[in-house]
Amino acid sequence: MRGKGLDKNFILLNVGYAYHDADWNWKEVNSPFIRMHYVKKGRAKIIRDDGEQELREGNLYLTPSYVKHSYECNGVLELYYIHLYEDPGNELSIFELIDFPVEVVSSRVDLLLIERLININPGRELKHYDPKTYNDSSTLAQNIALQKKSPLANEMETRGIVNVLFSRFLAPATYKKEHLEERVLKCLLHIHRNLDKQVDIDQLAAICYLTKDHFIRLFNKEMHCTPRKYINRKKIEAAQLKLLIEDTSIKEIAFGLGFDNVSYFNRLFNKLTGESPGQYRKRMQT
């Protein structure tokens, strides 16, 4: 299964250089896009649920989308930032397939590539560094549109540079599904391709040629959660993105993701994100 599903379309949102002096201290950042950082000078921390990561000069750092994290900086910090939107379509996210390291040792070539990325994508730097100022729906949609309107030559070069930088993390990464049975992978693909419908557990078990109970035990063992929890999480992640980039009602979003009960959708969204869909959209648009 190595290499399957890894041809991903990354859309560049932001790229630039930032100078901080004990002012990179944002809390509970949670965005629908990937963050990559290159530390030019200084030290800081990225704090995630799975631990703290010290940021060191000359290294690259990767934070996947929808990973809640905080930053801690007590002195001068110079860094380059790259924000990427992964468009998986109806396929699995690359982060569903692979466990990436948070940190990799970089090289002078990587710095040159980042500087080149800035040069061919003018106007993509952040105007303000507070995540609340660029996590909003209009900014995200605007940046996606900008990249899609970029000249073909720049778009191809941008994609090449992004893929090279991403490959730095891929080299030491481990494949989550290296030993996963093909039938379980088929279930994961079925879920992602049918997020707009009600996904039936009995149907998933049939795809795996297993009884329902056996399937649930196998899925729980491989994915560390029940099939229903996985489905709900992916539907709510999709809802978060739709709330950001689509000008549609919460009811339409709920129905478009296979929920026939808006109240249940609201409760589930609140349970998994800590706020209602309306609160989430209002906060991200403030």
C-alpha atoms as a PDB file:
ATOM      1  CA  MET A   1       0.000   0.000   0.000  1.00  0.00           C
ATOM      2  CA  ARG A   2       3.049   2.289   0.145  1.00  0.00           C
ATOM      3  CA  GLY A   3       2.525   5.352  -2.030  1.00  0.00           C
ATOM      4  CA  LYS A   4      -1.216   4.865  -2.524  1.00  0.00           C
ATOM      5  CA  GLY A   5      -3.299   7.974  -2.048  1.00  0.00           C
ATOM      6  CA  LEU A   6      -0.287  10.267  -1.574  1.00  0.00           C
ATOM      7  CA  ASP A   7      -0.760  12.405  -4.690  1.00  0.00           C
ATOM      8  CA  LYS A   8      -2.280  15.313  -2.800  1.00  0.00           C
ATOM      9  CA  ASN A   9      -3.251  18.765  -3.954  1.00  0.00           C
ATOM     10  CA  PHE A  10      -1.836  21.358  -1.565  1.00  0.00           C
ATOM     11  CA  ILE A  11      -3.025  24.930  -2.077  1.00  0.00           C
ATOM     12  CA  LEU A  12      -0.724  27.687  -0.838  1.00  0.00           C
ATOM     13  CA  LEU A  13      -2.547  30.149   1.418  1.00  0.00           C
ATOM     14  CA  ASN A  14       0.187  32.206   3.068  1.00  0.00           C
ATOM     15  CA  VAL A  15       3.963  32.401   2.999  1.00  0.00           C
ATOM     16  CA  GLY A  16       6.238  34.983   4.572  1.00  0.00           C
ATOM     17  CA  TYR A  17       8.840  36.003   7.127  1.00  0.00           C
ATOM     18  CA  ALA A  18       8.029  37.121  10.674  1.00  0.00           C
ATOM     19  CA  TYR A  19      10.008  38.800  13.447  1.00  0.00           C
ATOM     20  CA  HIS A  20       8.728  38.320  16.978  1.00  0.00           C
ATOM     21  CA  ASP A  21       9.964  39.589  20.319  1.00  0.00           C
ATOM     22  CA  ALA A  22       8.181  37.631  23.038  1.00  0.00           C
ATOM     23  CA  ASP A  23       4.877  38.212  21.215  1.00  0.00           C
ATOM     24  CA  TRP A  24       4.310  34.804  19.573  1.00  0.00           C
ATOM     25  CA  ASN A  25       2.092  33.478  22.351  1.00  0.00           C
ATOM     26  CA  TRP A  26      -1.227  32.511  20.787  1.00  0.00           C
ATOM     27  CA  LYS A  27      -3.410  30.007  22.660  1.00  0.00           C
ATOM     28  CA  GLU A  28      -5.580  27.127  21.396  1.00  0.00           C
ATOM     29  CA  VAL A  29      -5.036  27.709  17.688  1.00  0.00           C
ATOM     30  CA  ASN A  30      -7.163  25.336  15.609  1.00  0.00           C
ATOM     31  CA  SER A  31      -7.285  25.873  11.844  1.00  0.00           C
ATOM     32  CA  PRO A  32      -8.527  23.978   8.763  1.00  0.00           C
ATOM     33  CA  PHE A  33      -5.099  24.286   7.153  1.00  0.00           C
ATOM     34  CA  ILE A  34      -1.572  22.932   7.571  1.00  0.00           C
ATOM     35  CA  ARG A  35       1.191  25.048   9.110  1.00  0.00           C
ATOM     36  CA  MET A  36       4.875  24.712   8.277  1.00  0.00           C
ATOM     37  CA  HIS A  37       7.557  26.787  10.024  1.00  0.00           C
ATOM     38  CA  TYR A  38      11.274  27.296   9.441  1.00  0.00           C
ATOM     39  CA  VAL A  39      13.122  28.830  12.389  1.00  0.00           C
ATOM     40  CA  LYS A  40      15.810  31.266  11.250  1.00  0.00           C
ATOM     41  CA  LYS A  41      16.786  32.544  14.692  1.00  0.00           C
ATOM     42  CA  GLY A  42      15.681  32.134  18.297  1.00  0.00           C
ATOM     43  CA  ARG A  43      13.682  29.591  20.225  1.00  0.00           C
ATOM     44  CA  ALA A  44      10.033  28.961  21.030  1.00  0.00           C
ATOM     45  CA  LYS A  45       7.588  26.150  21.781  1.00  0.00           C
ATOM     46  CA  ILE A  46       4.623  24.569  20.069  1.00  0.00           C
ATOM     47  CA  ILE A  47       2.349  22.973  22.659  1.00  0.00           C
ATOM     48  CA  ARG A  48      -0.014  20.220  21.508  1.00  0.00           C
ATOM     49  CA  ASP A  49      -2.111  17.581  23.263  1.00  0.00           C
ATOM     50  CA  ASP A  50       0.575  15.011  22.437  1.00  0.00           C
ATOM     51  CA  GLY A  51       3.361  17.053  24.036  1.00  0.00           C
ATOM     52  CA  GLU A  52       5.574  20.126  23.767  1.00  0.00           C
ATOM     53  CA  GLN A  53       7.972  20.715  20.890  1.00  0.00           C
ATOM     54  CA  GLU A  54      10.979  23.019  21.275  1.00  0.00           C
ATOM     55  CA  LEU A  55      11.617  25.068  18.128  1.00  0.00           C
ATOM     56  CA  ARG A  56      15.285  25.333  17.188  1.00  0.00           C
ATOM     57  CA  GLU A  57      17.227  27.329  14.638  1.00  0.00           C
ATOM     58  CA  GLY A  58      17.571  25.794  11.182  1.00  0.00           C
ATOM     59  CA  ASN A  59      14.794  23.211  11.561  1.00  0.00           C
ATOM     60  CA  LEU A  60      11.412  22.729   9.904  1.00  0.00           C
ATOM     61  CA  TYR A  61       8.171  22.132  11.840  1.00  0.00           C
ATOM     62  CA  LEU A  62       4.827  20.707  10.719  1.00  0.00           C
ATOM     63  CA  THR A  63       1.381  21.135  12.300  1.00  0.00           C
ATOM     64  CA  PRO A  64      -1.520  19.341  10.555  1.00  0.00           C
ATOM     65  CA  SER A  65      -4.928  20.931  10.099  1.00  0.00           C
ATOM     66  CA  TYR A  66      -7.450  20.647  12.950  1.00  0.00           C
ATOM     67  CA  VAL A  67      -4.694  20.023  15.505  1.00  0.00           C
ATOM     68  CA  LYS A  68      -5.294  22.301  18.479  1.00  0.00           C
ATOM     69  CA  HIS A  69      -2.044  23.887  19.620  1.00  0.00           C
ATOM     70  CA  SER A  70      -0.514  26.913  21.338  1.00  0.00           C
ATOM     71  CA  TYR A  71       2.689  28.920  20.889  1.00  0.00           C
ATOM     72  CA  GLU A  72       5.078  30.079  23.597  1.00  0.00           C
ATOM     73  CA  CYS A  73       7.876  32.567  22.918  1.00  0.00           C
ATOM     74  CA  ASN A  74       9.838  34.518  25.544  1.00  0.00           C
ATOM     75  CA  GLY A  75      12.419  36.269  23.366  1.00  0.00           C
ATOM     76  CA  VAL A  76      13.409  37.153  19.829  1.00  0.00           C
ATOM     77  CA  LEU A  77      12.166  34.709  17.205  1.00  0.00           C
ATOM     78  CA  GLU A  78      12.679  34.970  13.443  1.00  0.00           C
ATOM     79  CA  LEU A  79      10.834  32.441  11.344  1.00  0.00           C
ATOM     80  CA  TYR A  80       9.312  31.711   7.967  1.00  0.00           C
ATOM     81  CA  TYR A  81       5.744  30.414   7.844  1.00  0.00           C
ATOM     82  CA  ILE A  82       3.862  28.502   5.164  1.00  0.00           C
ATOM     83  CA  HIS A  83       0.126  27.820   5.366  1.00  0.00           C
ATOM     84  CA  LEU A  84      -1.279  25.076   3.136  1.00  0.00           C
ATOM     85  CA  TYR A  85      -4.784  23.894   2.449  1.00  0.00           C
ATOM     86  CA  GLU A  86      -5.047  20.204   1.639  1.00  0.00           C
ATOM     87  CA  ASP A  87      -7.840  19.394  -0.772  1.00  0.00           C
ATOM     88  CA  PRO A  88      -8.379  15.635  -0.346  1.00  0.00           C
ATOM     89  CA  GLY A  89     -11.605  15.659  -2.335  1.00  0.00           C
ATOM     90  CA  ASN A  90     -13.392  12.443  -1.459  1.00  0.00           C
ATOM     91  CA  GLU A  91     -10.182  10.637  -0.583  1.00  0.00           C
ATOM     92  CA  LEU A  92      -8.309  10.202   2.678  1.00  0.00           C
ATOM     93  CA  SER A  93      -6.215  13.051   4.021  1.00  0.00           C
ATOM     94  CA  ILE A  94      -2.485  12.380   3.886  1.00  0.00           C
ATOM     95  CA  PHE A  95      -2.529  12.673   7.681  1.00  0.00           C
ATOM     96  CA  GLU A  96      -4.956   9.751   7.806  1.00  0.00           C
ATOM     97  CA  LEU A  97      -2.375   7.592   6.058  1.00  0.00           C
ATOM     98  CA  ILE A  98       0.886   8.741   7.599  1.00  0.00           C
ATOM     99  CA  ASP A  99       2.303   9.733  10.995  1.00  0.00           C
ATOM    100  CA  PHE A 100       4.555  12.708  10.352  1.00  0.00           C
ATOM    101  CA  PRO A 101       7.255  13.956  12.719  1.00  0.00           C
ATOM    102  CA  VAL A 102       6.729  17.430  14.147  1.00  0.00           C
ATOM    103  CA  GLU A 103      10.373  18.415  13.548  1.00  0.00           C
ATOM    104  CA  VAL A 104      12.986  17.683  10.887  1.00  0.00           C
ATOM    105  CA  VAL A 105      16.510  19.001  10.424  1.00  0.00           C
ATOM    106  CA  SER A 106      16.596  21.416   7.517  1.00  0.00           C
ATOM    107  CA  SER A 107      19.291  22.651   5.137  1.00  0.00           C
ATOM    108  CA  ARG A 108      20.377  25.780   3.295  1.00  0.00           C
ATOM    109  CA  VAL A 109      18.557  24.492   0.219  1.00  0.00           C
ATOM    110  CA  ASP A 110      15.248  24.505   2.096  1.00  0.00           C
ATOM    111  CA  LEU A 111      15.738  28.131   3.097  1.00  0.00           C
ATOM    112  CA  LEU A 112      16.446  29.054  -0.527  1.00  0.00           C
ATOM    113  CA  LEU A 113      13.276  27.233  -1.596  1.00  0.00           C
ATOM    114  CA  ILE A 114      11.194  29.124   0.974  1.00  0.00           C
ATOM    115  CA  GLU A 115      12.665  32.448  -0.150  1.00  0.00           C
ATOM    116  CA  ARG A 116      11.859  31.514  -3.745  1.00  0.00           C
ATOM    117  CA  LEU A 117       8.312  30.604  -2.707  1.00  0.00           C
ATOM    118  CA  ILE A 118       7.911  34.092  -1.253  1.00  0.00           C
ATOM    119  CA  ASN A 119       9.312  35.724  -4.392  1.00  0.00           C
ATOM    120  CA  ILE A 120       6.903  34.007  -6.789  1.00  0.00           C
ATOM    121  CA  ASN A 121       3.887  34.513  -4.507  1.00  0.00           C
ATOM    122  CA  PRO A 122       3.864  38.231  -3.647  1.00  0.00           C
ATOM    123  CA  GLY A 123       1.178  39.511  -1.341  1.00  0.00           C
ATOM    124  CA  ARG A 124       0.759  36.226   0.545  1.00  0.00           C
ATOM    125  CA  GLU A 125       2.350  37.407   3.776  1.00  0.00           C
ATOM    126  CA  LEU A 126       0.184  37.808   6.871  1.00  0.00           C
ATOM    127  CA  LYS A 127      -0.933  41.363   7.603  1.00  0.00           C
ATOM    128  CA  HIS A 128      -1.388  40.492  11.279  1.00  0.00           C
ATOM    129  CA  TYR A 129       0.013  37.530  13.209  1.00  0.00           C
ATOM    130  CA  ASP A 130      -2.892  36.861  15.553  1.00  0.00           C
ATOM    131  CA  PRO A 131      -4.528  33.671  14.156  1.00  0.00           C
ATOM    132  CA  LYS A 132      -7.964  35.170  14.808  1.00  0.00           C
ATOM    133  CA  THR A 133      -7.263  37.705  12.043  1.00  0.00           C
ATOM    134  CA  TYR A 134      -6.644  35.152   9.285  1.00  0.00           C
ATOM    135  CA  ASN A 135      -8.618  32.050  10.317  1.00  0.00           C
ATOM    136  CA  ASP A 136     -11.808  33.686   9.084  1.00  0.00           C
ATOM    137  CA  SER A 137     -13.826  32.450   6.131  1.00  0.00           C
ATOM    138  CA  SER A 138     -13.277  35.426   3.834  1.00  0.00           C
ATOM    139  CA  THR A 139      -9.479  35.292   4.185  1.00  0.00           C
ATOM    140  CA  LEU A 140      -9.356  31.542   3.604  1.00  0.00           C
ATOM    141  CA  ALA A 141     -11.601  31.732   0.538  1.00  0.00           C
ATOM    142  CA  GLN A 142      -9.666  34.721  -0.815  1.00  0.00           C
ATOM    143  CA  ASN A 143      -6.316  32.945  -0.487  1.00  0.00           C
ATOM    144  CA  ILE A 144      -7.616  29.780  -2.146  1.00  0.00           C
ATOM    145  CA  ALA A 145      -8.936  31.897  -5.026  1.00  0.00           C
ATOM    146  CA  LEU A 146      -5.613  33.761  -5.330  1.00  0.00           C
ATOM    147  CA  GLN A 147      -3.667  30.543  -5.722  1.00  0.00           C
ATOM    148  CA  LYS A 148      -6.097  29.165  -8.287  1.00  0.00           C
ATOM    149  CA  LYS A 149      -5.716  32.370 -10.316  1.00  0.00           C
ATOM    150  CA  SER A 150      -1.914  32.276 -10.154  1.00  0.00           C
ATOM    151  CA  PRO A 151      -0.066  32.030 -13.511  1.00  0.00           C
ATOM    152  CA  LEU A 152       0.423  28.408 -14.540  1.00  0.00           C
ATOM    153  CA  ALA A 153       4.234  28.613 -14.361  1.00  0.00           C
ATOM    154  CA  ASN A 154       4.105  30.027 -10.818  1.00  0.00           C
ATOM    155  CA  GLU A 155       1.494  27.502  -9.768  1.00  0.00           C
ATOM    156  CA  MET A 156       3.597  24.584 -11.025  1.00  0.00           C
ATOM    157  CA  GLU A 157       6.762  25.914  -9.369  1.00  0.00           C
ATOM    158  CA  THR A 158       4.876  26.603  -6.145  1.00  0.00           C
ATOM    159  CA  ARG A 159       3.507  23.071  -6.111  1.00  0.00           C
ATOM    160  CA  GLY A 160       6.994  21.668  -6.737  1.00  0.00           C
ATOM    161  CA  ILE A 161       8.562  23.656  -3.890  1.00  0.00           C
ATOM    162  CA  VAL A 162       5.758  22.737  -1.490  1.00  0.00           C
ATOM    163  CA  ASN A 163       6.134  19.051  -2.375  1.00  0.00           C
ATOM    164  CA  VAL A 164       9.904  19.195  -1.821  1.00  0.00           C
ATOM    165  CA  LEU A 165       9.486  20.821   1.593  1.00  0.00           C
ATOM    166  CA  PHE A 166       6.756  18.338   2.501  1.00  0.00           C
ATOM    167  CA  SER A 167       9.030  15.480   1.457  1.00  0.00           C
ATOM    168  CA  ARG A 168      11.432  16.427   4.257  1.00  0.00           C
ATOM    169  CA  PHE A 169       8.789  15.231   6.709  1.00  0.00           C
ATOM    170  CA  LEU A 170       7.811  12.250   4.574  1.00  0.00           C
ATOM    171  CA  ALA A 171      11.300  10.682   4.621  1.00  0.00           C
ATOM    172  CA  PRO A 172      11.279   9.901   8.391  1.00  0.00           C
ATOM    173  CA  ALA A 173       7.491   9.378   8.571  1.00  0.00           C
ATOM    174  CA  THR A 174       5.778   6.068   9.251  1.00  0.00           C
ATOM    175  CA  TYR A 175       2.822   4.665   7.331  1.00  0.00           C
ATOM    176  CA  LYS A 176      -0.150   4.210   9.624  1.00  0.00           C
ATOM    177  CA  LYS A 177      -1.816   1.703   7.321  1.00  0.00           C
ATOM    178  CA  GLU A 178       1.309  -0.240   6.298  1.00  0.00           C
ATOM    179  CA  HIS A 179      -0.187  -3.481   7.606  1.00  0.00           C
ATOM    180  CA  LEU A 180      -3.851  -2.575   7.405  1.00  0.00           C
ATOM    181  CA  GLU A 181      -5.995  -5.063   5.577  1.00  0.00           C
ATOM    182  CA  GLU A 182      -7.227  -3.838   2.213  1.00  0.00           C
ATOM    183  CA  ARG A 183     -10.854  -4.364   3.246  1.00  0.00           C
ATOM    184  CA  VAL A 184     -10.501  -1.961   6.189  1.00  0.00           C
ATOM    185  CA  LEU A 185      -8.915   0.638   3.922  1.00  0.00           C
ATOM    186  CA  LYS A 186     -11.906   0.221   1.586  1.00  0.00           C
ATOM    187  CA  CYS A 187     -14.167   1.102   4.519  1.00  0.00           C
ATOM    188  CA  LEU A 188     -12.205   4.269   5.238  1.00  0.00           C
ATOM    189  CA  LEU A 189     -12.433   5.309   1.589  1.00  0.00           C
ATOM    190  CA  HIS A 190     -16.164   4.517   1.576  1.00  0.00           C
ATOM    191  CA  ILE A 191     -16.662   6.781   4.596  1.00  0.00           C
ATOM    192  CA  HIS A 192     -14.800   9.697   3.020  1.00  0.00           C
ATOM    193  CA  ARG A 193     -16.579   9.301  -0.303  1.00  0.00           C
ATOM    194  CA  ASN A 194     -19.976   9.279   1.400  1.00  0.00           C
ATOM    195  CA  LEU A 195     -19.708  12.002   4.048  1.00  0.00           C
ATOM    196  CA  ASP A 196     -22.720  13.632   2.395  1.00  0.00           C
ATOM    197  CA  LYS A 197     -24.849  10.591   3.246  1.00  0.00           C
ATOM    198  CA  GLN A 198     -25.770   8.541   6.279  1.00  0.00           C
ATOM    199  CA  VAL A 199     -23.009   5.933   6.597  1.00  0.00           C
ATOM    200  CA  ASP A 200     -24.390   2.630   7.814  1.00  0.00           C
ATOM    201  CA  ILE A 201     -22.203   0.438  10.064  1.00  0.00           C
ATOM    202  CA  ASP A 202     -23.838  -2.741   8.738  1.00  0.00           C
ATOM    203  CA  GLN A 203     -22.850  -1.723   5.214  1.00  0.00           C
ATOM    204  CA  LEU A 204     -19.245  -1.122   6.300  1.00  0.00           C
ATOM    205  CA  ALA A 205     -19.153  -4.540   7.939  1.00  0.00           C
ATOM    206  CA  ALA A 206     -20.441  -6.070   4.697  1.00  0.00           C
ATOM    207  CA  ILE A 207     -17.646  -4.349   2.753  1.00  0.00           C
ATOM    208  CA  CYS A 208     -15.184  -6.056   5.090  1.00  0.00           C
ATOM    209  CA  TYR A 209     -17.019  -9.413   4.881  1.00  0.00           C
ATOM    210  CA  LEU A 210     -17.288  -9.409   8.673  1.00  0.00           C
ATOM    211  CA  THR A 211     -20.074  -9.531  11.196  1.00  0.00           C
ATOM    212  CA  LYS A 212     -20.973  -6.159  12.664  1.00  0.00           C
ATOM    213  CA  ASP A 213     -19.463  -6.963  16.076  1.00  0.00           C
ATOM    214  CA  HIS A 214     -16.258  -8.336  14.544  1.00  0.00           C
ATOM    215  CA  PHE A 215     -15.956  -5.303  12.286  1.00  0.00           C
ATOM    216  CA  ILE A 216     -16.377  -2.847  15.173  1.00  0.00           C
ATOM    217  CA  ARG A 217     -13.692  -4.658  17.199  1.00  0.00           C
ATOM    218  CA  LEU A 218     -11.299  -4.682  14.240  1.00  0.00           C
ATOM    219  CA  PHE A 219     -11.927  -1.030  13.406  1.00  0.00           C
ATOM    220  CA  ASN A 220     -11.460  -0.007  17.026  1.00  0.00           C
ATOM    221  CA  LYS A 221      -8.187  -1.908  17.200  1.00  0.00           C
ATOM    222  CA  GLU A 222      -6.782  -0.331  14.029  1.00  0.00           C
ATOM    223  CA  MET A 223      -8.173   3.205  14.317  1.00  0.00           C
ATOM    224  CA  HIS A 224      -8.325   3.507  18.136  1.00  0.00           C
ATOM    225  CA  CYS A 225     -11.962   4.567  18.059  1.00  0.00           C
ATOM    226  CA  THR A 226     -15.314   3.123  17.064  1.00  0.00           C
ATOM    227  CA  PRO A 227     -16.544   3.449  13.452  1.00  0.00           C
ATOM    228  CA  ARG A 228     -19.313   5.802  14.564  1.00  0.00           C
ATOM    229  CA  LYS A 229     -16.902   8.116  16.402  1.00  0.00           C
ATOM    230  CA  TYR A 230     -14.632   8.212  13.357  1.00  0.00           C
ATOM    231  CA  ILE A 231     -17.523   9.002  11.005  1.00  0.00           C
ATOM    232  CA  ASN A 232     -18.845  11.732  13.286  1.00  0.00           C
ATOM    233  CA  ARG A 233     -15.408  13.314  13.644  1.00  0.00           C
ATOM    234  CA  LYS A 234     -14.885  13.442   9.873  1.00  0.00           C
ATOM    235  CA  LYS A 235     -18.355  14.880   9.288  1.00  0.00           C
ATOM    236  CA  ILE A 236     -17.768  17.630  11.863  1.00  0.00           C
ATOM    237  CA  GLU A 237     -14.351  18.444  10.371  1.00  0.00           C
ATOM    238  CA  ALA A 238     -16.070  18.789   6.999  1.00  0.00           C
ATOM    239  CA  ALA A 239     -18.712  20.988   8.634  1.00  0.00           C
ATOM    240  CA  GLN A 240     -16.021  23.248  10.118  1.00  0.00           C
ATOM    241  CA  LEU A 241     -14.576  23.875   6.673  1.00  0.00           C
ATOM    242  CA  LYS A 242     -18.004  24.459   5.136  1.00  0.00           C
ATOM    243  CA  LEU A 243     -18.836  26.979   7.864  1.00  0.00           C
ATOM    244  CA  LEU A 244     -15.677  28.844   6.903  1.00  0.00           C
ATOM    245  CA  ILE A 245     -15.815  28.894   3.124  1.00  0.00           C
ATOM    246  CA  GLU A 246     -19.494  28.407   2.206  1.00  0.00           C
ATOM    247  CA  ASP A 247     -22.202  30.999   2.548  1.00  0.00           C
ATOM    248  CA  THR A 248     -24.898  28.476   3.394  1.00  0.00           C
ATOM    249  CA  SER A 249     -27.104  28.001   6.436  1.00  0.00           C
ATOM    250  CA  ILE A 250     -26.267  25.627   9.257  1.00  0.00           C
ATOM    251  CA  LYS A 251     -29.365  23.612   8.350  1.00  0.00           C
ATOM    252  CA  GLU A 252     -28.167  23.195   4.753  1.00  0.00           C
ATOM    253  CA  ILE A 253     -24.709  22.156   5.939  1.00  0.00           C
ATOM    254  CA  ALA A 254     -26.205  19.583   8.311  1.00  0.00           C
ATOM    255  CA  PHE A 255     -28.441  18.086   5.610  1.00  0.00           C
ATOM    256  CA  GLY A 256     -25.547  18.192   3.121  1.00  0.00           C
ATOM    257  CA  LEU A 257     -23.524  15.985   5.464  1.00  0.00           C
ATOM    258  CA  GLY A 258     -26.220  13.359   5.854  1.00  0.00           C
ATOM    259  CA  PHE A 259     -27.802  14.579   9.103  1.00  0.00           C
ATOM    260  CA  ASP A 260     -31.600  14.491   9.075  1.00  0.00           C
ATOM    261  CA  ASN A 261     -31.814  16.141  12.504  1.00  0.00           C
ATOM    262  CA  VAL A 262     -30.293  19.611  12.864  1.00  0.00           C
ATOM    263  CA  SER A 263     -30.569  19.534  16.650  1.00  0.00           C
ATOM    264  CA  TYR A 264     -28.484  16.353  16.755  1.00  0.00           C
ATOM    265  CA  PHE A 265     -25.933  17.933  14.401  1.00  0.00           C
ATOM    266  CA  ASN A 266     -25.690  20.970  16.691  1.00  0.00           C
ATOM    267  CA  ARG A 267     -25.214  18.796  19.783  1.00  0.00           C
ATOM    268  CA  LEU A 268     -22.572  16.662  18.094  1.00  0.00           C
ATOM    269  CA  PHE A 269     -20.719  19.739  16.799  1.00  0.00           C
ATOM    270  CA  ASN A 270     -20.740  21.237  20.291  1.00  0.00           C
ATOM    271  CA  LYS A 271     -19.544  17.978  21.817  1.00  0.00           C
ATOM    272  CA  LEU A 272     -16.570  17.629  19.445  1.00  0.00           C
ATOM    273  CA  THR A 273     -15.526  21.293  19.173  1.00  0.00           C
ATOM    274  CA  GLY A 274     -16.710  22.859  22.433  1.00  0.00           C
ATOM    275  CA  GLU A 275     -19.001  25.359  20.712  1.00  0.00           C
ATOM    276  CA  SER A 276     -22.104  25.439  18.548  1.00  0.00           C
ATOM    277  CA  PRO A 277     -21.879  25.773  14.733  1.00  0.00           C
ATOM    278  CA  GLY A 278     -23.194  29.325  15.027  1.00  0.00           C
ATOM    279  CA  GLN A 279     -20.636  30.264  17.680  1.00  0.00           C
ATOM    280  CA  TYR A 280     -17.854  28.696  15.618  1.00  0.00           C
ATOM    281  CA  ARG A 281     -18.812  30.612  12.449  1.00  0.00           C
ATOM    282  CA  LYS A 282     -19.200  33.892  14.349  1.00  0.00           C
ATOM    283  CA  ARG A 283     -15.844  33.505  16.127  1.00  0.00           C
ATOM    284  CA  MET A 284     -14.002  32.651  12.908  1.00  0.00           C
ATOM    285  CA  GLN A 285     -15.583  35.594  11.081  1.00  0.00           C
ATOM    286  CA  THR A 286     -14.940  38.148  13.818  1.00  0.00           C
END
